[in-house]
Amino acid sequence: MKIKCFSVNAIILVIIAMLTMFAFVGGCRTGGTQVDPLAGWHACRHQSSRYFDKELQTDLEAYITSLPGRQRDHIVGLTFCELNGQHAVRITIALNGSDWAHVLIYDKNNKRIKVVKYVSNSYSS
């Protein structure tokens, strides 16, 4: 019985080919494992903070101001939602090939009770 030996160059070539294949296949991803915390919520009729209580407006402005400058500069959208008298705001930030979602959830008195941050979409050029 003869045992075949592969040269080191052949093995390296196979590894490079596999890595190249993974780079092309993984070039564009959408979604992730994070479940949307606003699933089941409804978009508010008005999509501006001026239609909400001053407490919510002030908190939202403070949150955005507290973001690092680069994130603040890349905010591409705000979405206001409601469910059973509660409100939520999704801040979408496009940065470094990913769309980040910062979701601020408020109770019925418009006090922030939760913040969820996750990558909602990834892409590459």
PDB file of N, CA and C in Angstrom:
ATOM      1  N   MET A   1       0.848  -1.168   0.000  1.00  0.00           N
ATOM      2  CA  MET A   1       0.000   0.000   0.000  1.00  0.00           C
ATOM      3  C   MET A   1       0.894   1.233   0.000  1.00  0.00           C
ATOM      4  N   LYS A   2       0.617   2.127  -0.939  1.00  0.00           N
ATOM      5  CA  LYS A   2       1.405   3.326  -1.072  1.00  0.00           C
ATOM      6  C   LYS A   2       0.707   4.499  -0.392  1.00  0.00           C
ATOM      7  N   ILE A   3       1.429   5.297   0.347  1.00  0.00           N
ATOM      8  CA  ILE A   3       0.883   6.479   1.009  1.00  0.00           C
ATOM      9  C   ILE A   3       1.285   7.697   0.187  1.00  0.00           C
ATOM     10  N   LYS A   4       0.281   8.492  -0.152  1.00  0.00           N
ATOM     11  CA  LYS A   4       0.557   9.692  -0.934  1.00  0.00           C
ATOM     12  C   LYS A   4       0.923  10.832  -0.001  1.00  0.00           C
ATOM     13  N   CYS A   5       1.928  11.556  -0.340  1.00  0.00           N
ATOM     14  CA  CYS A   5       2.355  12.720   0.430  1.00  0.00           C
ATOM     15  C   CYS A   5       2.056  13.961  -0.386  1.00  0.00           C
ATOM     16  N   PHE A   6       1.525  14.936   0.287  1.00  0.00           N
ATOM     17  CA  PHE A   6       1.256  16.208  -0.368  1.00  0.00           C
ATOM     18  C   PHE A   6       2.358  17.177   0.012  1.00  0.00           C
ATOM     19  N   SER A   7       2.750  17.983  -0.909  1.00  0.00           N
ATOM     20  CA  SER A   7       3.798  18.955  -0.616  1.00  0.00           C
ATOM     21  C   SER A   7       3.218  20.097   0.214  1.00  0.00           C
ATOM     22  N   VAL A   8       4.080  20.760   0.897  1.00  0.00           N
ATOM     23  CA  VAL A   8       3.675  21.903   1.723  1.00  0.00           C
ATOM     24  C   VAL A   8       3.061  22.980   0.834  1.00  0.00           C
ATOM     25  N   ASN A   9       3.612  23.168  -0.362  1.00  0.00           N
ATOM     26  CA  ASN A   9       3.081  24.179  -1.286  1.00  0.00           C
ATOM     27  C   ASN A   9       1.641  23.870  -1.672  1.00  0.00           C
ATOM     28  N   ALA A  10       1.315  22.601  -1.883  1.00  0.00           N
ATOM     29  CA  ALA A  10      -0.049  22.216  -2.250  1.00  0.00           C
ATOM     30  C   ALA A  10      -1.011  22.501  -1.106  1.00  0.00           C
ATOM     31  N   ILE A  11      -0.591  22.215   0.102  1.00  0.00           N
ATOM     32  CA  ILE A  11      -1.436  22.474   1.279  1.00  0.00           C
ATOM     33  C   ILE A  11      -1.665  23.971   1.454  1.00  0.00           C
ATOM     34  N   ILE A  12      -0.626  24.757   1.292  1.00  0.00           N
ATOM     35  CA  ILE A  12      -0.752  26.211   1.415  1.00  0.00           C
ATOM     36  C   ILE A  12      -1.691  26.749   0.338  1.00  0.00           C
ATOM     37  N   LEU A  13      -1.563  26.223  -0.879  1.00  0.00           N
ATOM     38  CA  LEU A  13      -2.429  26.648  -1.972  1.00  0.00           C
ATOM     39  C   LEU A  13      -3.899  26.349  -1.664  1.00  0.00           C
ATOM     40  N   VAL A  14      -4.183  25.196  -1.096  1.00  0.00           N
ATOM     41  CA  VAL A  14      -5.558  24.838  -0.726  1.00  0.00           C
ATOM     42  C   VAL A  14      -6.079  25.780   0.353  1.00  0.00           C
ATOM     43  N   ILE A  15      -5.257  26.075   1.336  1.00  0.00           N
ATOM     44  CA  ILE A  15      -5.668  26.988   2.415  1.00  0.00           C
ATOM     45  C   ILE A  15      -5.966  28.377   1.860  1.00  0.00           C
ATOM     46  N   ILE A  16      -5.113  28.878   0.976  1.00  0.00           N
ATOM     47  CA  ILE A  16      -5.339  30.197   0.383  1.00  0.00           C
ATOM     48  C   ILE A  16      -6.631  30.198  -0.431  1.00  0.00           C
ATOM     49  N   ALA A  17      -6.862  29.138  -1.185  1.00  0.00           N
ATOM     50  CA  ALA A  17      -8.093  29.042  -1.986  1.00  0.00           C
ATOM     51  C   ALA A  17      -9.324  29.054  -1.084  1.00  0.00           C
ATOM     52  N   MET A  18      -9.271  28.336   0.036  1.00  0.00           N
ATOM     53  CA  MET A  18     -10.409  28.295   0.957  1.00  0.00           C
ATOM     54  C   MET A  18     -10.654  29.659   1.587  1.00  0.00           C
ATOM     55  N   LEU A  19      -9.591  30.337   1.999  1.00  0.00           N
ATOM     56  CA  LEU A  19      -9.741  31.658   2.601  1.00  0.00           C
ATOM     57  C   LEU A  19     -10.319  32.653   1.595  1.00  0.00           C
ATOM     58  N   THR A  20      -9.871  32.569   0.365  1.00  0.00           N
ATOM     59  CA  THR A  20     -10.399  33.444  -0.683  1.00  0.00           C
ATOM     60  C   THR A  20     -11.886  33.182  -0.898  1.00  0.00           C
ATOM     61  N   MET A  21     -12.270  31.926  -0.910  1.00  0.00           N
ATOM     62  CA  MET A  21     -13.668  31.568  -1.097  1.00  0.00           C
ATOM     63  C   MET A  21     -14.522  32.130   0.045  1.00  0.00           C
ATOM     64  N   PHE A  22     -14.049  31.997   1.273  1.00  0.00           N
ATOM     65  CA  PHE A  22     -14.805  32.523   2.410  1.00  0.00           C
ATOM     66  C   PHE A  22     -14.922  34.037   2.344  1.00  0.00           C
ATOM     67  N   ALA A  23     -13.891  34.716   1.852  1.00  0.00           N
ATOM     68  CA  ALA A  23     -13.927  36.177   1.746  1.00  0.00           C
ATOM     69  C   ALA A  23     -14.994  36.618   0.751  1.00  0.00           C
ATOM     70  N   PHE A  24     -15.104  35.917  -0.394  1.00  0.00           N
ATOM     71  CA  PHE A  24     -16.102  36.294  -1.392  1.00  0.00           C
ATOM     72  C   PHE A  24     -17.507  35.910  -0.963  1.00  0.00           C
ATOM     73  N   VAL A  25     -17.670  34.766  -0.352  1.00  0.00           N
ATOM     74  CA  VAL A  25     -18.990  34.305   0.067  1.00  0.00           C
ATOM     75  C   VAL A  25     -19.507  35.161   1.213  1.00  0.00           C
ATOM     76  N   GLY A  26     -18.653  35.564   2.119  1.00  0.00           N
ATOM     77  CA  GLY A  26     -19.077  36.334   3.291  1.00  0.00           C
ATOM     78  C   GLY A  26     -19.055  37.821   3.078  1.00  0.00           C
ATOM     79  N   GLY A  27     -18.985  38.296   1.840  1.00  0.00           N
ATOM     80  CA  GLY A  27     -18.853  39.716   1.560  1.00  0.00           C
ATOM     81  C   GLY A  27     -20.061  40.553   1.930  1.00  0.00           C
ATOM     82  N   CYS A  28     -21.238  39.997   1.901  1.00  0.00           N
ATOM     83  CA  CYS A  28     -22.446  40.771   2.179  1.00  0.00           C
ATOM     84  C   CYS A  28     -23.354  39.981   3.103  1.00  0.00           C
ATOM     85  N   ARG A  29     -23.602  40.557   4.270  1.00  0.00           N
ATOM     86  CA  ARG A  29     -24.496  39.906   5.221  1.00  0.00           C
ATOM     87  C   ARG A  29     -25.604  40.872   5.559  1.00  0.00           C
ATOM     88  N   THR A  30     -26.781  40.344   5.756  1.00  0.00           N
ATOM     89  CA  THR A  30     -27.878  41.175   6.242  1.00  0.00           C
ATOM     90  C   THR A  30     -28.462  40.511   7.472  1.00  0.00           C
ATOM     91  N   GLY A  31     -28.871  41.353   8.392  1.00  0.00           N
ATOM     92  CA  GLY A  31     -29.472  40.825   9.609  1.00  0.00           C
ATOM     93  C   GLY A  31     -28.447  40.154  10.493  1.00  0.00           C
ATOM     94  N   GLY A  32     -28.867  39.657  11.583  1.00  0.00           N
ATOM     95  CA  GLY A  32     -27.995  38.981  12.509  1.00  0.00           C
ATOM     96  C   GLY A  32     -28.816  38.121  13.425  1.00  0.00           C
ATOM     97  N   THR A  33     -28.213  37.736  14.533  1.00  0.00           N
ATOM     98  CA  THR A  33     -28.920  36.883  15.461  1.00  0.00           C
ATOM     99  C   THR A  33     -29.771  37.689  16.438  1.00  0.00           C
ATOM    100  N   GLN A  34     -29.544  38.995  16.498  1.00  0.00           N
ATOM    101  CA  GLN A  34     -30.293  39.856  17.408  1.00  0.00           C
ATOM    102  C   GLN A  34     -31.742  39.983  16.942  1.00  0.00           C
ATOM    103  N   VAL A  35     -32.665  39.714  17.828  1.00  0.00           N
ATOM    104  CA  VAL A  35     -34.083  39.889  17.528  1.00  0.00           C
ATOM    105  C   VAL A  35     -34.421  41.363  17.709  1.00  0.00           C
ATOM    106  N   ASP A  36     -35.189  41.912  16.798  1.00  0.00           N
ATOM    107  CA  ASP A  36     -35.577  43.314  16.871  1.00  0.00           C
ATOM    108  C   ASP A  36     -36.406  43.542  18.132  1.00  0.00           C
ATOM    109  N   PRO A  37     -35.919  44.382  19.059  1.00  0.00           N
ATOM    110  CA  PRO A  37     -36.675  44.620  20.295  1.00  0.00           C
ATOM    111  C   PRO A  37     -37.981  45.373  20.060  1.00  0.00           C
ATOM    112  N   LEU A  38     -38.166  45.910  18.859  1.00  0.00           N
ATOM    113  CA  LEU A  38     -39.395  46.635  18.562  1.00  0.00           C
ATOM    114  C   LEU A  38     -40.355  45.816  17.702  1.00  0.00           C
ATOM    115  N   ALA A  39     -40.110  44.522  17.580  1.00  0.00           N
ATOM    116  CA  ALA A  39     -41.040  43.657  16.848  1.00  0.00           C
ATOM    117  C   ALA A  39     -42.393  43.707  17.561  1.00  0.00           C
ATOM    118  N   GLY A  40     -43.441  43.961  16.814  1.00  0.00           N
ATOM    119  CA  GLY A  40     -44.777  44.064  17.397  1.00  0.00           C
ATOM    120  C   GLY A  40     -45.173  45.492  17.752  1.00  0.00           C
ATOM    121  N   TRP A  41     -44.208  46.403  17.812  1.00  0.00           N
ATOM    122  CA  TRP A  41     -44.511  47.801  18.077  1.00  0.00           C
ATOM    123  C   TRP A  41     -45.028  48.435  16.782  1.00  0.00           C
ATOM    124  N   HIS A  42     -45.655  49.596  16.912  1.00  0.00           N
ATOM    125  CA  HIS A  42     -46.211  50.292  15.755  1.00  0.00           C
ATOM    126  C   HIS A  42     -45.506  51.638  15.600  1.00  0.00           C
ATOM    127  N   ALA A  43     -45.263  52.011  14.356  1.00  0.00           N
ATOM    128  CA  ALA A  43     -44.672  53.325  14.101  1.00  0.00           C
ATOM    129  C   ALA A  43     -45.658  54.400  14.535  1.00  0.00           C
ATOM    130  N   CYS A  44     -45.160  55.411  15.208  1.00  0.00           N
ATOM    131  CA  CYS A  44     -46.009  56.521  15.626  1.00  0.00           C
ATOM    132  C   CYS A  44     -46.449  57.317  14.402  1.00  0.00           C
ATOM    133  N   ARG A  45     -47.595  57.914  14.527  1.00  0.00           N
ATOM    134  CA  ARG A  45     -48.122  58.728  13.437  1.00  0.00           C
ATOM    135  C   ARG A  45     -47.177  59.885  13.127  1.00  0.00           C
ATOM    136  N   HIS A  46     -46.632  60.487  14.160  1.00  0.00           N
ATOM    137  CA  HIS A  46     -45.689  61.590  13.990  1.00  0.00           C
ATOM    138  C   HIS A  46     -44.276  61.067  14.225  1.00  0.00           C
ATOM    139  N   GLN A  47     -43.371  61.351  13.309  1.00  0.00           N
ATOM    140  CA  GLN A  47     -41.997  60.878  13.414  1.00  0.00           C
ATOM    141  C   GLN A  47     -41.045  62.024  13.756  1.00  0.00           C
ATOM    142  N   SER A  48     -41.402  62.763  14.792  1.00  0.00           N
ATOM    143  CA  SER A  48     -40.569  63.853  15.285  1.00  0.00           C
ATOM    144  C   SER A  48     -40.713  63.919  16.802  1.00  0.00           C
ATOM    145  N   SER A  49     -39.603  64.184  17.496  1.00  0.00           N
ATOM    146  CA  SER A  49     -39.648  64.223  18.961  1.00  0.00           C
ATOM    147  C   SER A  49     -40.497  65.377  19.482  1.00  0.00           C
ATOM    148  N   ARG A  50     -40.747  66.390  18.658  1.00  0.00           N
ATOM    149  CA  ARG A  50     -41.514  67.543  19.143  1.00  0.00           C
ATOM    150  C   ARG A  50     -42.960  67.194  19.477  1.00  0.00           C
ATOM    151  N   TYR A  51     -43.441  66.046  19.021  1.00  0.00           N
ATOM    152  CA  TYR A  51     -44.813  65.625  19.313  1.00  0.00           C
ATOM    153  C   TYR A  51     -44.910  64.824  20.620  1.00  0.00           C
ATOM    154  N   PHE A  52     -43.777  64.650  21.308  1.00  0.00           N
ATOM    155  CA  PHE A  52     -43.767  63.859  22.542  1.00  0.00           C
ATOM    156  C   PHE A  52     -43.471  64.749  23.735  1.00  0.00           C
ATOM    157  N   ASP A  53     -43.684  64.198  24.930  1.00  0.00           N
ATOM    158  CA  ASP A  53     -43.447  64.952  26.165  1.00  0.00           C
ATOM    159  C   ASP A  53     -42.023  65.507  26.201  1.00  0.00           C
ATOM    160  N   LYS A  54     -41.900  66.611  26.903  1.00  0.00           N
ATOM    161  CA  LYS A  54     -40.604  67.275  27.038  1.00  0.00           C
ATOM    162  C   LYS A  54     -39.568  66.335  27.648  1.00  0.00           C
ATOM    163  N   GLU A  55     -39.986  65.459  28.576  1.00  0.00           N
ATOM    164  CA  GLU A  55     -39.040  64.525  29.213  1.00  0.00           C
ATOM    165  C   GLU A  55     -38.395  63.606  28.179  1.00  0.00           C
ATOM    166  N   LEU A  56     -39.212  63.081  27.268  1.00  0.00           N
ATOM    167  CA  LEU A  56     -38.682  62.204  26.229  1.00  0.00           C
ATOM    168  C   LEU A  56     -37.760  62.983  25.292  1.00  0.00           C
ATOM    169  N   GLN A  57     -38.154  64.173  24.904  1.00  0.00           N
ATOM    170  CA  GLN A  57     -37.323  65.009  24.033  1.00  0.00           C
ATOM    171  C   GLN A  57     -35.962  65.280  24.667  1.00  0.00           C
ATOM    172  N   THR A  58     -36.002  65.673  25.939  1.00  0.00           N
ATOM    173  CA  THR A  58     -34.763  65.996  26.658  1.00  0.00           C
ATOM    174  C   THR A  58     -33.864  64.774  26.786  1.00  0.00           C
ATOM    175  N   ASP A  59     -34.452  63.623  27.112  1.00  0.00           N
ATOM    176  CA  ASP A  59     -33.672  62.401  27.263  1.00  0.00           C
ATOM    177  C   ASP A  59     -33.054  61.974  25.932  1.00  0.00           C
ATOM    178  N   LEU A  60     -33.825  62.041  24.857  1.00  0.00           N
ATOM    179  CA  LEU A  60     -33.326  61.661  23.537  1.00  0.00           C
ATOM    180  C   LEU A  60     -32.169  62.570  23.120  1.00  0.00           C
ATOM    181  N   GLU A  61     -32.328  63.867  23.309  1.00  0.00           N
ATOM    182  CA  GLU A  61     -31.261  64.817  22.975  1.00  0.00           C
ATOM    183  C   GLU A  61     -30.010  64.544  23.798  1.00  0.00           C
ATOM    184  N   ALA A  62     -30.185  64.241  25.089  1.00  0.00           N
ATOM    185  CA  ALA A  62     -29.046  63.948  25.959  1.00  0.00           C
ATOM    186  C   ALA A  62     -28.343  62.664  25.514  1.00  0.00           C
ATOM    187  N   TYR A  63     -29.122  61.646  25.128  1.00  0.00           N
ATOM    188  CA  TYR A  63     -28.534  60.385  24.675  1.00  0.00           C
ATOM    189  C   TYR A  63     -27.711  60.604  23.404  1.00  0.00           C
ATOM    190  N   ILE A  64     -28.288  61.325  22.443  1.00  0.00           N
ATOM    191  CA  ILE A  64     -27.574  61.577  21.191  1.00  0.00           C
ATOM    192  C   ILE A  64     -26.321  62.398  21.448  1.00  0.00           C
ATOM    193  N   THR A  65     -26.410  63.386  22.322  1.00  0.00           N
ATOM    194  CA  THR A  65     -25.248  64.209  22.663  1.00  0.00           C
ATOM    195  C   THR A  65     -24.150  63.383  23.324  1.00  0.00           C
ATOM    196  N   SER A  66     -24.538  62.345  24.068  1.00  0.00           N
ATOM    197  CA  SER A  66     -23.544  61.521  24.774  1.00  0.00           C
ATOM    198  C   SER A  66     -22.821  60.535  23.856  1.00  0.00           C
ATOM    199  N   LEU A  67     -23.326  60.344  22.639  1.00  0.00           N
ATOM    200  CA  LEU A  67     -22.668  59.427  21.709  1.00  0.00           C
ATOM    201  C   LEU A  67     -21.320  59.999  21.277  1.00  0.00           C
ATOM    202  N   PRO A  68     -20.342  59.134  21.008  1.00  0.00           N
ATOM    203  CA  PRO A  68     -19.068  59.637  20.466  1.00  0.00           C
ATOM    204  C   PRO A  68     -19.338  60.402  19.163  1.00  0.00           C
ATOM    205  N   GLY A  69     -18.528  61.408  18.895  1.00  0.00           N
ATOM    206  CA  GLY A  69     -18.736  62.282  17.742  1.00  0.00           C
ATOM    207  C   GLY A  69     -18.910  61.552  16.429  1.00  0.00           C
ATOM    208  N   ARG A  70     -18.130  60.524  16.207  1.00  0.00           N
ATOM    209  CA  ARG A  70     -18.213  59.780  14.950  1.00  0.00           C
ATOM    210  C   ARG A  70     -19.573  59.101  14.789  1.00  0.00           C
ATOM    211  N   GLN A  71     -20.114  58.558  15.890  1.00  0.00           N
ATOM    212  CA  GLN A  71     -21.439  57.941  15.817  1.00  0.00           C
ATOM    213  C   GLN A  71     -22.511  59.007  15.590  1.00  0.00           C
ATOM    214  N   ARG A  72     -22.392  60.110  16.316  1.00  0.00           N
ATOM    215  CA  ARG A  72     -23.353  61.212  16.171  1.00  0.00           C
ATOM    216  C   ARG A  72     -23.388  61.715  14.727  1.00  0.00           C
ATOM    217  N   ASP A  73     -22.216  61.814  14.114  1.00  0.00           N
ATOM    218  CA  ASP A  73     -22.122  62.333  12.749  1.00  0.00           C
ATOM    219  C   ASP A  73     -22.708  61.380  11.703  1.00  0.00           C
ATOM    220  N   HIS A  74     -22.881  60.107  12.069  1.00  0.00           N
ATOM    221  CA  HIS A  74     -23.360  59.117  11.104  1.00  0.00           C
ATOM    222  C   HIS A  74     -24.780  58.624  11.404  1.00  0.00           C
ATOM    223  N   ILE A  75     -25.540  59.407  12.175  1.00  0.00           N
ATOM    224  CA  ILE A  75     -26.951  59.053  12.409  1.00  0.00           C
ATOM    225  C   ILE A  75     -27.698  59.265  11.099  1.00  0.00           C
ATOM    226  N   VAL A  76     -28.382  58.204  10.650  1.00  0.00           N
ATOM    227  CA  VAL A  76     -29.110  58.291   9.379  1.00  0.00           C
ATOM    228  C   VAL A  76     -30.624  58.259   9.566  1.00  0.00           C
ATOM    229  N   GLY A  77     -31.087  58.032  10.793  1.00  0.00           N
ATOM    230  CA  GLY A  77     -32.524  58.028  10.984  1.00  0.00           C
ATOM    231  C   GLY A  77     -32.964  57.828  12.414  1.00  0.00           C
ATOM    232  N   LEU A  78     -34.140  58.356  12.708  1.00  0.00           N
ATOM    233  CA  LEU A  78     -34.815  58.138  13.985  1.00  0.00           C
ATOM    234  C   LEU A  78     -36.200  57.587  13.662  1.00  0.00           C
ATOM    235  N   THR A  79     -36.599  56.541  14.369  1.00  0.00           N
ATOM    236  CA  THR A  79     -37.927  55.967  14.193  1.00  0.00           C
ATOM    237  C   THR A  79     -38.612  55.935  15.546  1.00  0.00           C
ATOM    238  N   PHE A  80     -39.792  56.546  15.623  1.00  0.00           N
ATOM    239  CA  PHE A  80     -40.556  56.598  16.870  1.00  0.00           C
ATOM    240  C   PHE A  80     -41.656  55.548  16.819  1.00  0.00           C
ATOM    241  N   CYS A  81     -41.747  54.743  17.880  1.00  0.00           N
ATOM    242  CA  CYS A  81     -42.737  53.661  17.938  1.00  0.00           C
ATOM    243  C   CYS A  81     -43.523  53.733  19.239  1.00  0.00           C
ATOM    244  N   GLU A  82     -44.671  53.040  19.253  1.00  0.00           N
ATOM    245  CA  GLU A  82     -45.485  52.990  20.460  1.00  0.00           C
ATOM    246  C   GLU A  82     -46.137  51.622  20.603  1.00  0.00           C
ATOM    247  N   LEU A  83     -46.414  51.275  21.852  1.00  0.00           N
ATOM    248  CA  LEU A  83     -47.105  50.024  22.164  1.00  0.00           C
ATOM    249  C   LEU A  83     -47.708  50.155  23.555  1.00  0.00           C
ATOM    250  N   ASN A  84     -49.018  50.057  23.644  1.00  0.00           N
ATOM    251  CA  ASN A  84     -49.729  50.090  24.932  1.00  0.00           C
ATOM    252  C   ASN A  84     -49.335  51.286  25.799  1.00  0.00           C
ATOM    253  N   GLY A  85     -49.228  52.457  25.194  1.00  0.00           N
ATOM    254  CA  GLY A  85     -48.920  53.666  25.945  1.00  0.00           C
ATOM    255  C   GLY A  85     -47.443  53.899  26.182  1.00  0.00           C
ATOM    256  N   GLN A  86     -46.603  52.968  25.813  1.00  0.00           N
ATOM    257  CA  GLN A  86     -45.154  53.148  25.940  1.00  0.00           C
ATOM    258  C   GLN A  86     -44.612  53.656  24.612  1.00  0.00           C
ATOM    259  N   HIS A  87     -43.460  54.308  24.679  1.00  0.00           N
ATOM    260  CA  HIS A  87     -42.806  54.798  23.478  1.00  0.00           C
ATOM    261  C   HIS A  87     -41.401  54.207  23.371  1.00  0.00           C
ATOM    262  N   ALA A  88     -40.889  54.212  22.156  1.00  0.00           N
ATOM    263  CA  ALA A  88     -39.516  53.775  21.900  1.00  0.00           C
ATOM    264  C   ALA A  88     -38.979  54.564  20.718  1.00  0.00           C
ATOM    265  N   VAL A  89     -37.667  54.724  20.695  1.00  0.00           N
ATOM    266  CA  VAL A  89     -37.011  55.409  19.595  1.00  0.00           C
ATOM    267  C   VAL A  89     -35.864  54.530  19.113  1.00  0.00           C
ATOM    268  N   ARG A  90     -35.838  54.280  17.798  1.00  0.00           N
ATOM    269  CA  ARG A  90     -34.700  53.564  17.206  1.00  0.00           C
ATOM    270  C   ARG A  90     -33.830  54.614  16.518  1.00  0.00           C
ATOM    271  N   ILE A  91     -32.566  54.662  16.935  1.00  0.00           N
ATOM    272  CA  ILE A  91     -31.584  55.547  16.308  1.00  0.00           C
ATOM    273  C   ILE A  91     -30.744  54.658  15.401  1.00  0.00           C
ATOM    274  N   THR A  92     -30.710  54.957  14.098  1.00  0.00           N
ATOM    275  CA  THR A  92     -29.923  54.160  13.166  1.00  0.00           C
ATOM    276  C   THR A  92     -28.653  54.914  12.823  1.00  0.00           C
ATOM    277  N   ILE A  93     -27.512  54.214  12.969  1.00  0.00           N
ATOM    278  CA  ILE A  93     -26.200  54.803  12.733  1.00  0.00           C
ATOM    279  C   ILE A  93     -25.473  53.935  11.702  1.00  0.00           C
ATOM    280  N   ALA A  94     -25.089  54.530  10.569  1.00  0.00           N
ATOM    281  CA  ALA A  94     -24.339  53.814   9.529  1.00  0.00           C
ATOM    282  C   ALA A  94     -22.855  54.093   9.751  1.00  0.00           C
ATOM    283  N   LEU A  95     -22.115  53.054  10.135  1.00  0.00           N
ATOM    284  CA  LEU A  95     -20.712  53.259  10.494  1.00  0.00           C
ATOM    285  C   LEU A  95     -19.893  52.016  10.191  1.00  0.00           C
ATOM    286  N   ASN A  96     -18.809  52.176   9.460  1.00  0.00           N
ATOM    287  CA  ASN A  96     -17.838  51.111   9.187  1.00  0.00           C
ATOM    288  C   ASN A  96     -18.469  49.846   8.600  1.00  0.00           C
ATOM    289  N   GLY A  97     -19.334  49.996   7.637  1.00  0.00           N
ATOM    290  CA  GLY A  97     -19.920  48.834   6.977  1.00  0.00           C
ATOM    291  C   GLY A  97     -21.048  48.168   7.738  1.00  0.00           C
ATOM    292  N   SER A  98     -21.565  48.821   8.766  1.00  0.00           N
ATOM    293  CA  SER A  98     -22.672  48.252   9.538  1.00  0.00           C
ATOM    294  C   SER A  98     -23.694  49.329   9.864  1.00  0.00           C
ATOM    295  N   ASP A  99     -24.949  48.912   9.907  1.00  0.00           N
ATOM    296  CA  ASP A  99     -26.010  49.780  10.424  1.00  0.00           C
ATOM    297  C   ASP A  99     -26.249  49.372  11.866  1.00  0.00           C
ATOM    298  N   TRP A 100     -25.946  50.273  12.774  1.00  0.00           N
ATOM    299  CA  TRP A 100     -26.165  50.035  14.200  1.00  0.00           C
ATOM    300  C   TRP A 100     -27.519  50.591  14.591  1.00  0.00           C
ATOM    301  N   ALA A 101     -28.229  49.863  15.433  1.00  0.00           N
ATOM    302  CA  ALA A 101     -29.492  50.338  15.980  1.00  0.00           C
ATOM    303  C   ALA A 101     -29.311  50.537  17.480  1.00  0.00           C
ATOM    304  N   HIS A 102     -29.647  51.718  17.956  1.00  0.00           N
ATOM    305  CA  HIS A 102     -29.714  52.007  19.387  1.00  0.00           C
ATOM    306  C   HIS A 102     -31.195  52.204  19.666  1.00  0.00           C
ATOM    307  N   VAL A 103     -31.775  51.319  20.447  1.00  0.00           N
ATOM    308  CA  VAL A 103     -33.201  51.390  20.738  1.00  0.00           C
ATOM    309  C   VAL A 103     -33.394  51.857  22.178  1.00  0.00           C
ATOM    310  N   LEU A 104     -34.073  52.979  22.327  1.00  0.00           N
ATOM    311  CA  LEU A 104     -34.379  53.529  23.651  1.00  0.00           C
ATOM    312  C   LEU A 104     -35.844  53.226  23.932  1.00  0.00           C
ATOM    313  N   ILE A 105     -36.106  52.524  25.024  1.00  0.00           N
ATOM    314  CA  ILE A 105     -37.478  52.150  25.376  1.00  0.00           C
ATOM    315  C   ILE A 105     -37.892  52.918  26.629  1.00  0.00           C
ATOM    316  N   TYR A 106     -39.087  53.509  26.571  1.00  0.00           N
ATOM    317  CA  TYR A 106     -39.605  54.338  27.654  1.00  0.00           C
ATOM    318  C   TYR A 106     -40.867  53.718  28.242  1.00  0.00           C
ATOM    319  N   ASP A 107     -41.097  53.974  29.539  1.00  0.00           N
ATOM    320  CA  ASP A 107     -42.335  53.501  30.163  1.00  0.00           C
ATOM    321  C   ASP A 107     -43.471  54.476  29.835  1.00  0.00           C
ATOM    322  N   LYS A 108     -44.630  54.273  30.430  1.00  0.00           N
ATOM    323  CA  LYS A 108     -45.798  55.107  30.126  1.00  0.00           C
ATOM    324  C   LYS A 108     -45.626  56.550  30.586  1.00  0.00           C
ATOM    325  N   ASN A 109     -44.669  56.781  31.495  1.00  0.00           N
ATOM    326  CA  ASN A 109     -44.387  58.136  31.974  1.00  0.00           C
ATOM    327  C   ASN A 109     -43.215  58.765  31.226  1.00  0.00           C
ATOM    328  N   ASN A 110     -42.801  58.128  30.133  1.00  0.00           N
ATOM    329  CA  ASN A 110     -41.691  58.582  29.292  1.00  0.00           C
ATOM    330  C   ASN A 110     -40.364  58.655  30.027  1.00  0.00           C
ATOM    331  N   LYS A 111     -40.167  57.722  30.950  1.00  0.00           N
ATOM    332  CA  LYS A 111     -38.869  57.531  31.608  1.00  0.00           C
ATOM    333  C   LYS A 111     -38.182  56.386  30.879  1.00  0.00           C
ATOM    334  N   ARG A 112     -36.928  56.599  30.494  1.00  0.00           N
ATOM    335  CA  ARG A 112     -36.214  55.540  29.780  1.00  0.00           C
ATOM    336  C   ARG A 112     -35.977  54.368  30.714  1.00  0.00           C
ATOM    337  N   ILE A 113     -36.357  53.163  30.268  1.00  0.00           N
ATOM    338  CA  ILE A 113     -36.200  51.978  31.096  1.00  0.00           C
ATOM    339  C   ILE A 113     -35.228  50.960  30.492  1.00  0.00           C
ATOM    340  N   LYS A 114     -34.867  51.151  29.220  1.00  0.00           N
ATOM    341  CA  LYS A 114     -33.990  50.163  28.600  1.00  0.00           C
ATOM    342  C   LYS A 114     -33.324  50.754  27.361  1.00  0.00           C
ATOM    343  N   VAL A 115     -32.064  50.319  27.117  1.00  0.00           N
ATOM    344  CA  VAL A 115     -31.346  50.653  25.885  1.00  0.00           C
ATOM    345  C   VAL A 115     -30.816  49.348  25.313  1.00  0.00           C
ATOM    346  N   VAL A 116     -31.078  49.120  24.029  1.00  0.00           N
ATOM    347  CA  VAL A 116     -30.577  47.931  23.340  1.00  0.00           C
ATOM    348  C   VAL A 116     -29.777  48.411  22.134  1.00  0.00           C
ATOM    349  N   LYS A 117     -28.527  47.940  22.010  1.00  0.00           N
ATOM    350  CA  LYS A 117     -27.677  48.296  20.871  1.00  0.00           C
ATOM    351  C   LYS A 117     -27.324  47.019  20.139  1.00  0.00           C
ATOM    352  N   TYR A 118     -27.447  47.049  18.821  1.00  0.00           N
ATOM    353  CA  TYR A 118     -27.093  45.871  18.035  1.00  0.00           C
ATOM    354  C   TYR A 118     -26.854  46.267  16.588  1.00  0.00           C
ATOM    355  N   VAL A 119     -26.177  45.402  15.849  1.00  0.00           N
ATOM    356  CA  VAL A 119     -25.973  45.602  14.417  1.00  0.00           C
ATOM    357  C   VAL A 119     -27.208  45.082  13.707  1.00  0.00           C
ATOM    358  N   SER A 120     -27.902  45.970  13.011  1.00  0.00           N
ATOM    359  CA  SER A 120     -29.131  45.557  12.331  1.00  0.00           C
ATOM    360  C   SER A 120     -28.872  45.139  10.891  1.00  0.00           C
ATOM    361  N   ASN A 121     -27.733  45.544  10.343  1.00  0.00           N
ATOM    362  CA  ASN A 121     -27.402  45.193   8.964  1.00  0.00           C
ATOM    363  C   ASN A 121     -25.908  45.391   8.764  1.00  0.00           C
ATOM    364  N   SER A 122     -25.287  44.492   7.999  1.00  0.00           N
ATOM    365  CA  SER A 122     -23.866  44.621   7.658  1.00  0.00           C
ATOM    366  C   SER A 122     -23.715  44.552   6.160  1.00  0.00           C
ATOM    367  N   TYR A 123     -22.722  45.260   5.661  1.00  0.00           N
ATOM    368  CA  TYR A 123     -22.477  45.266   4.232  1.00  0.00           C
ATOM    369  C   TYR A 123     -21.012  45.569   3.991  1.00  0.00           C
ATOM    370  N   SER A 124     -20.545  45.276   2.803  1.00  0.00           N
ATOM    371  CA  SER A 124     -19.181  45.643   2.429  1.00  0.00           C
ATOM    372  C   SER A 124     -19.186  46.079   0.983  1.00  0.00           C
ATOM    373  N   SER A 125     -18.221  46.899   0.656  1.00  0.00           N
ATOM    374  CA  SER A 125     -18.193  47.406  -0.723  1.00  0.00           C
ATOM    375  C   SER A 125     -17.277  46.585  -1.589  1.00  0.00           C
TER     376      SER A 125
END
